[in-house]
């Protein structure tokens, strides 16, 4: 039995999205390797007025066998000290903290500073982003504040690894490319999947899947679909996702390009 204990700080059920799914899968992998692991998630991840989608929460059942504690309030400094002191006393061997948005910098940076006072816990940042896709006032200061108590970094792309050098060049870091999700069951045969989705079996289809935000480039893809070379190949585009911004500009391109 491995006696080491790990705390993952990041979104988890009932919060929805790729980060939560990733954290569940990561926790299960640690459990399989005989680590004692729990997830410290958010009681409040974003204030409603800052969240661009319809809901932050999933209606799916909680993953089985995981310890998930909804502890962190991203906008309450008193909570940051409380959670930090709790983790400091818990003394996990390793904390893996997800960082994807500078908005979380003050909250996570404060919690981790409290933890460091136990002089035991090693803190590893699993960085989805260091420099955000959509820039806002305070980004650099918030990220700099977050990075200081971190002992080492894992990034999942070359770009994020390079972005980290803007803030720190000395702390250990490692590039581990984003793994494929393997928790959604076996893939269906193409014929069966297309029949279920009522899509023609032999049609050429490009899939855009996920939250729709400007930086993801759906507008560029729509412009490309209007190119005569694409039209001649009879390629179709299927967009499956939730708008996180005004959808009118996208519909306008569709109308203008007659696609």
Protein backbone atom coordinates (compact mmCIF):
# COMPACT_ATOMS: atom_id res chain seq x y z
CA UNK A 1 0.00 0.00 0.00
CA UNK A 2 1.34 3.43 -0.98
CA UNK A 3 1.12 5.75 2.03
CA UNK A 4 1.51 8.95 0.04
CA UNK A 5 -1.47 11.30 0.02
CA UNK A 6 -2.50 13.59 -2.82
CA UNK A 7 -4.97 16.46 -2.97
CA UNK A 8 -6.16 17.69 -6.35
CA UNK A 9 -7.36 21.29 -6.29
CA UNK A 10 -9.70 21.95 -9.19
CA UNK A 11 -13.25 21.67 -10.52
CA UNK A 12 -15.13 18.43 -9.89
CA UNK A 13 -18.71 17.16 -9.71
CA UNK A 14 -21.28 18.73 -9.67
CA UNK A 15 -19.36 21.29 -11.74
CA UNK A 16 -19.31 20.36 -15.41
CA UNK A 17 -16.76 20.64 -18.20
CA UNK A 18 -13.48 19.18 -19.36
CA UNK A 19 -11.52 20.20 -16.26
CA UNK A 20 -13.90 18.34 -13.96
CA UNK A 21 -13.86 15.26 -16.20
CA UNK A 22 -10.05 15.34 -16.30
CA UNK A 23 -9.77 15.68 -12.52
CA UNK A 24 -12.09 12.73 -11.93
CA UNK A 25 -10.04 10.56 -14.28
CA UNK A 26 -6.75 11.74 -12.73
CA UNK A 27 -7.99 10.91 -9.22
CA UNK A 28 -9.02 7.42 -10.32
CA UNK A 29 -5.57 6.86 -11.84
CA UNK A 30 -3.92 7.84 -8.55
CA UNK A 31 -6.26 5.52 -6.66
CA UNK A 32 -5.33 2.67 -8.97
CA UNK A 33 -1.67 3.38 -8.17
CA UNK A 34 -2.54 3.00 -4.45
CA UNK A 35 -2.38 6.68 -3.50
CA UNK A 36 -4.74 8.22 -0.98
CA UNK A 37 -6.40 10.97 -3.06
CA UNK A 38 -9.18 13.50 -2.67
CA UNK A 39 -10.37 16.48 -4.71
CA UNK A 40 -10.90 19.94 -3.23
CA UNK A 41 -13.38 21.55 -5.60
CA UNK A 42 -15.30 24.82 -5.62
CA UNK A 43 -18.40 25.69 -3.64
CA UNK A 44 -18.40 28.81 -5.86
CA UNK A 45 -16.31 28.66 -9.01
CA UNK A 46 -17.53 31.80 -10.79
CA UNK A 47 -20.10 34.42 -9.78
CA UNK A 48 -23.13 34.01 -12.06
CA UNK A 49 -22.59 37.37 -13.76
CA UNK A 50 -19.09 36.28 -14.85
CA UNK A 51 -20.20 32.93 -16.27
CA UNK A 52 -21.07 33.14 -19.98
CA UNK A 53 -22.86 29.80 -20.34
CA UNK A 54 -26.26 28.55 -19.25
CA UNK A 55 -25.16 26.63 -16.16
CA UNK A 56 -22.00 25.67 -14.32
CA UNK A 57 -23.49 22.42 -13.06
CA UNK A 58 -24.12 18.97 -14.48
CA UNK A 59 -27.17 16.77 -13.97
CA UNK A 60 -25.04 13.61 -14.26
CA UNK A 61 -24.55 11.35 -11.27
CA UNK A 62 -21.42 11.84 -9.18
CA UNK A 63 -18.46 9.61 -10.12
CA UNK A 64 -18.27 6.56 -7.92
CA UNK A 65 -15.46 5.97 -5.46
CA UNK A 66 -14.08 9.53 -5.35
CA UNK A 67 -13.79 11.87 -2.38
CA UNK A 68 -14.88 15.30 -3.60
CA UNK A 69 -15.09 18.22 -1.17
CA UNK A 70 -16.79 21.42 -2.32
CA UNK A 71 -14.72 23.79 -0.23
CA UNK A 72 -13.31 26.71 -2.25
CA UNK A 73 -15.08 30.02 -2.79
CA UNK A 74 -13.19 31.85 -5.55
CA UNK A 75 -14.22 35.36 -4.42
CA UNK A 76 -14.17 35.12 -0.60
CA UNK A 77 -10.75 35.86 0.95
CA UNK A 78 -11.88 34.59 4.37
CA UNK A 79 -12.60 31.23 2.72
CA UNK A 80 -9.13 31.18 1.13
CA UNK A 81 -7.45 31.40 4.54
CA UNK A 82 -9.82 28.78 5.99
CA UNK A 83 -9.19 26.27 3.20
CA UNK A 84 -5.47 27.04 3.20
CA UNK A 85 -5.22 26.39 6.94
CA UNK A 86 -7.24 23.18 6.57
CA UNK A 87 -4.88 21.85 3.89
CA UNK A 88 -1.88 23.04 5.86
CA UNK A 89 -3.04 20.91 8.82
CA UNK A 90 -3.95 17.97 6.56
CA UNK A 91 -0.33 17.88 5.31
CA UNK A 92 -0.80 15.96 2.07
CA UNK A 93 2.44 14.86 0.48
CA UNK A 94 1.50 16.42 -2.85
CA UNK A 95 -1.01 19.01 -3.98
CA UNK A 96 -1.80 19.10 -7.68
CA UNK A 97 -3.47 22.40 -8.48
CA UNK A 98 -5.19 23.14 -11.79
CA UNK A 99 -4.51 26.61 -13.23
CA UNK A 100 -6.43 27.75 -16.26
CA UNK A 101 -7.50 31.35 -15.63
CA UNK A 102 -5.81 34.34 -13.93
CA UNK A 103 -9.12 35.07 -12.17
CA UNK A 104 -8.25 32.13 -9.90
CA UNK A 105 -4.78 33.50 -9.10
CA UNK A 106 -5.57 35.41 -5.89
CA UNK A 107 -7.69 32.57 -4.49
CA UNK A 108 -5.29 29.72 -5.27
CA UNK A 109 -2.17 31.75 -4.54
CA UNK A 110 -3.44 32.57 -1.04
CA UNK A 111 -4.47 28.98 -0.28
CA UNK A 112 -1.08 27.64 -1.39
CA UNK A 113 0.82 30.20 0.69
CA UNK A 114 -0.95 28.89 3.79
CA UNK A 115 -0.16 25.29 2.82
CA UNK A 116 3.55 26.04 2.35
CA UNK A 117 3.84 26.91 6.02
CA UNK A 118 3.62 23.21 6.95
CA UNK A 119 7.05 22.74 5.29
CA UNK A 120 6.01 19.32 4.04
CA UNK A 121 3.60 19.48 1.12
CA UNK A 122 5.00 19.73 -2.41
CA UNK A 123 2.86 21.78 -4.78
CA UNK A 124 2.65 20.88 -8.46
CA UNK A 125 0.73 23.07 -10.89
CA UNK A 126 -1.03 21.31 -13.75
CA UNK A 127 -1.26 24.27 -16.10
CA UNK A 128 -3.92 24.34 -18.77
CA UNK A 129 -3.10 27.98 -19.50
CA UNK A 130 -0.57 30.45 -18.14
CA UNK A 131 -1.41 33.35 -20.46
CA UNK A 132 -5.18 33.32 -21.08
CA UNK A 133 -6.84 33.22 -24.50
CA UNK A 134 -8.93 36.27 -23.63
CA UNK A 135 -6.90 38.98 -21.89
CA UNK A 136 -8.24 41.04 -18.99
CA UNK A 137 -6.91 43.66 -16.60
CA UNK A 138 -4.81 42.12 -13.81
CA UNK A 139 -3.90 38.91 -15.66
CA UNK A 140 -0.13 39.25 -15.18
CA UNK A 141 -0.31 40.27 -11.53
CA UNK A 142 -2.73 37.47 -10.65
CA UNK A 143 -0.66 34.80 -12.41
CA UNK A 144 2.58 36.05 -10.86
CA UNK A 145 0.95 35.88 -7.42
CA UNK A 146 -0.23 32.31 -8.07
CA UNK A 147 3.12 31.02 -9.36
CA UNK A 148 5.27 32.05 -6.38
CA UNK A 149 4.29 29.23 -3.93
CA UNK A 150 4.31 26.51 -6.62
CA UNK A 151 7.23 24.05 -6.53
CA UNK A 152 6.97 22.58 -10.04
CA UNK A 153 4.86 22.68 -13.19
CA UNK A 154 3.34 20.27 -15.68
CA UNK A 155 2.09 21.71 -18.95
CA UNK A 156 0.21 19.87 -21.68
CA UNK A 157 1.35 21.87 -24.68
CA UNK A 158 4.55 23.51 -25.93
CA UNK A 159 2.85 26.90 -25.98
CA UNK A 160 1.93 26.83 -22.30
CA UNK A 161 5.44 25.62 -21.46
CA UNK A 162 6.87 28.62 -23.35
CA UNK A 163 4.35 30.99 -21.72
CA UNK A 164 5.53 29.84 -18.29
CA UNK A 165 9.00 31.24 -19.06
CA UNK A 166 7.50 34.75 -19.10
CA UNK A 167 6.94 34.41 -15.35
CA UNK A 168 9.56 31.89 -14.20
CA UNK A 169 12.55 30.16 -15.77
CA UNK A 170 14.04 28.30 -12.78
CA UNK A 171 11.38 26.07 -11.23
CA UNK A 172 11.17 22.46 -12.49
CA UNK A 173 8.73 21.91 -15.34
CA UNK A 174 7.76 19.04 -17.61
CA UNK A 175 5.76 18.79 -20.81
CA UNK A 176 3.24 15.93 -20.76
CA UNK A 177 0.87 16.12 -23.70
CA UNK A 178 -2.84 16.15 -22.91
CA UNK A 179 -4.04 12.54 -22.69
CA UNK A 180 -7.03 11.16 -24.53
CA UNK A 181 -10.15 10.71 -22.43
CA UNK A 182 -10.90 7.03 -21.94
CA UNK A 183 -13.88 7.22 -19.62
CA UNK A 184 -16.75 7.57 -22.10
CA UNK A 185 -17.03 3.90 -23.00
CA UNK A 186 -16.14 2.08 -26.19
CA UNK A 187 -16.37 3.96 -29.49
CA UNK A 188 -19.33 2.98 -31.66
CA UNK A 189 -18.78 1.82 -35.24
CA UNK A 190 -19.15 4.77 -37.63
CA UNK A 191 -22.26 3.30 -39.29
CA UNK A 192 -24.04 2.77 -35.97
CA UNK A 193 -23.06 6.22 -34.65
CA UNK A 194 -24.23 8.02 -37.78
CA UNK A 195 -27.51 6.15 -37.82
CA UNK A 196 -28.09 7.16 -34.20
CA UNK A 197 -27.37 10.82 -35.03
CA UNK A 198 -29.44 10.57 -38.25
CA UNK A 199 -26.46 11.53 -40.39
CA UNK A 200 -25.82 10.15 -43.90
CA UNK A 201 -23.40 7.23 -43.73
CA UNK A 202 -21.05 8.29 -46.52
CA UNK A 203 -21.19 12.09 -46.21
CA UNK A 204 -17.94 14.00 -45.58
CA UNK A 205 -18.43 15.78 -42.27
CA UNK A 206 -16.23 18.14 -40.26
CA UNK A 207 -17.19 18.28 -36.56
CA UNK A 208 -16.77 21.40 -34.42
CA UNK A 209 -17.46 20.22 -30.88
CA UNK A 210 -17.42 22.15 -27.60
CA UNK A 211 -18.07 25.54 -26.08
CA UNK A 212 -18.17 28.28 -28.71
CA UNK A 213 -15.90 31.24 -27.92
CA UNK A 214 -14.19 33.65 -30.27
CA UNK A 215 -10.64 32.38 -29.69
CA UNK A 216 -11.60 28.89 -30.90
CA UNK A 217 -11.92 30.17 -34.46
CA UNK A 218 -15.36 28.94 -35.51
CA UNK A 219 -15.75 32.14 -37.54
CA UNK A 220 -12.63 31.21 -39.55
CA UNK A 221 -13.98 27.70 -40.11
CA UNK A 222 -17.30 29.09 -41.33
CA UNK A 223 -15.49 31.42 -43.73
CA UNK A 224 -13.55 28.43 -45.06
CA UNK A 225 -16.76 26.47 -45.60
CA UNK A 226 -17.82 29.14 -48.08
CA UNK A 227 -14.74 28.53 -50.23
CA UNK A 228 -15.63 27.10 -53.63
CA UNK A 229 -13.04 24.32 -53.29
CA UNK A 230 -14.81 23.08 -50.16
CA UNK A 231 -18.22 23.35 -51.81
CA UNK A 232 -17.05 21.26 -54.77
CA UNK A 233 -16.01 18.44 -52.45
CA UNK A 234 -19.48 18.47 -50.86
CA UNK A 235 -18.06 18.69 -47.33
CA UNK A 236 -20.54 19.44 -44.53
CA UNK A 237 -19.89 21.11 -41.17
CA UNK A 238 -21.60 19.95 -37.99
CA UNK A 239 -21.42 22.40 -35.06
CA UNK A 240 -22.26 20.82 -31.69
CA UNK A 241 -21.73 23.11 -28.71
CA UNK A 242 -23.00 25.84 -26.44
CA UNK A 243 -22.52 29.51 -27.29
CA UNK A 244 -20.48 31.34 -24.64
CA UNK A 245 -20.97 34.63 -26.50
CA UNK A 246 -23.32 36.33 -28.95
CA UNK A 247 -24.25 33.85 -31.67
CA UNK A 248 -25.46 36.46 -34.20
CA UNK A 249 -22.08 37.01 -35.94
CA UNK A 250 -21.84 33.29 -36.65
CA UNK A 251 -25.33 33.13 -38.14
CA UNK A 252 -24.48 36.21 -40.20
CA UNK A 253 -21.47 34.44 -41.78
CA UNK A 254 -23.66 31.41 -42.52
CA UNK A 255 -26.20 33.63 -44.30
CA UNK A 256 -23.63 35.71 -46.18
CA UNK A 257 -21.71 32.65 -47.39
CA UNK A 258 -24.91 30.73 -48.10
CA UNK A 259 -23.59 27.65 -46.34
